Amino acid sequence: MTTRLVLREPGHYRLEGAIHFGAPVPPELWSPDIAPAGGRATIELGGLTRADSVALALLVEWERRARDAGFRLVIAEAPERLQALMRVTGLESLLAQGV
């Protein structure tokens, strides 16, 4: 399966595929065109079949770009392992609360 970011509706995306050390991240995912709706963009990670610290690095980059563009990035449906990495690194504030 190709790793890709799918627009579900304005401001709401779904990341599908696998992002880990053994699978290169497609270059277009490092600087995707994420457009917010209502001051935020939500990225669902429920479509990931595998994720590790490489996925975390990608999320950190997306969060930086969102902040620089003046909107909030919200992560939904993060796999448990990725949630644990986010907690350990202090990035749990990106996790959606009731989205």
Foldseek 3Di string as FASTA:
>chain_A
DAWDWADPDQLEIETAEEFDPVDDHPPCLLPDDHGHDPQEHEYEDLRYPYYDVRVVVSVVSVQVVSVVVRGGYAYENDPPRVCVVCVVVVNNVNYDDPD
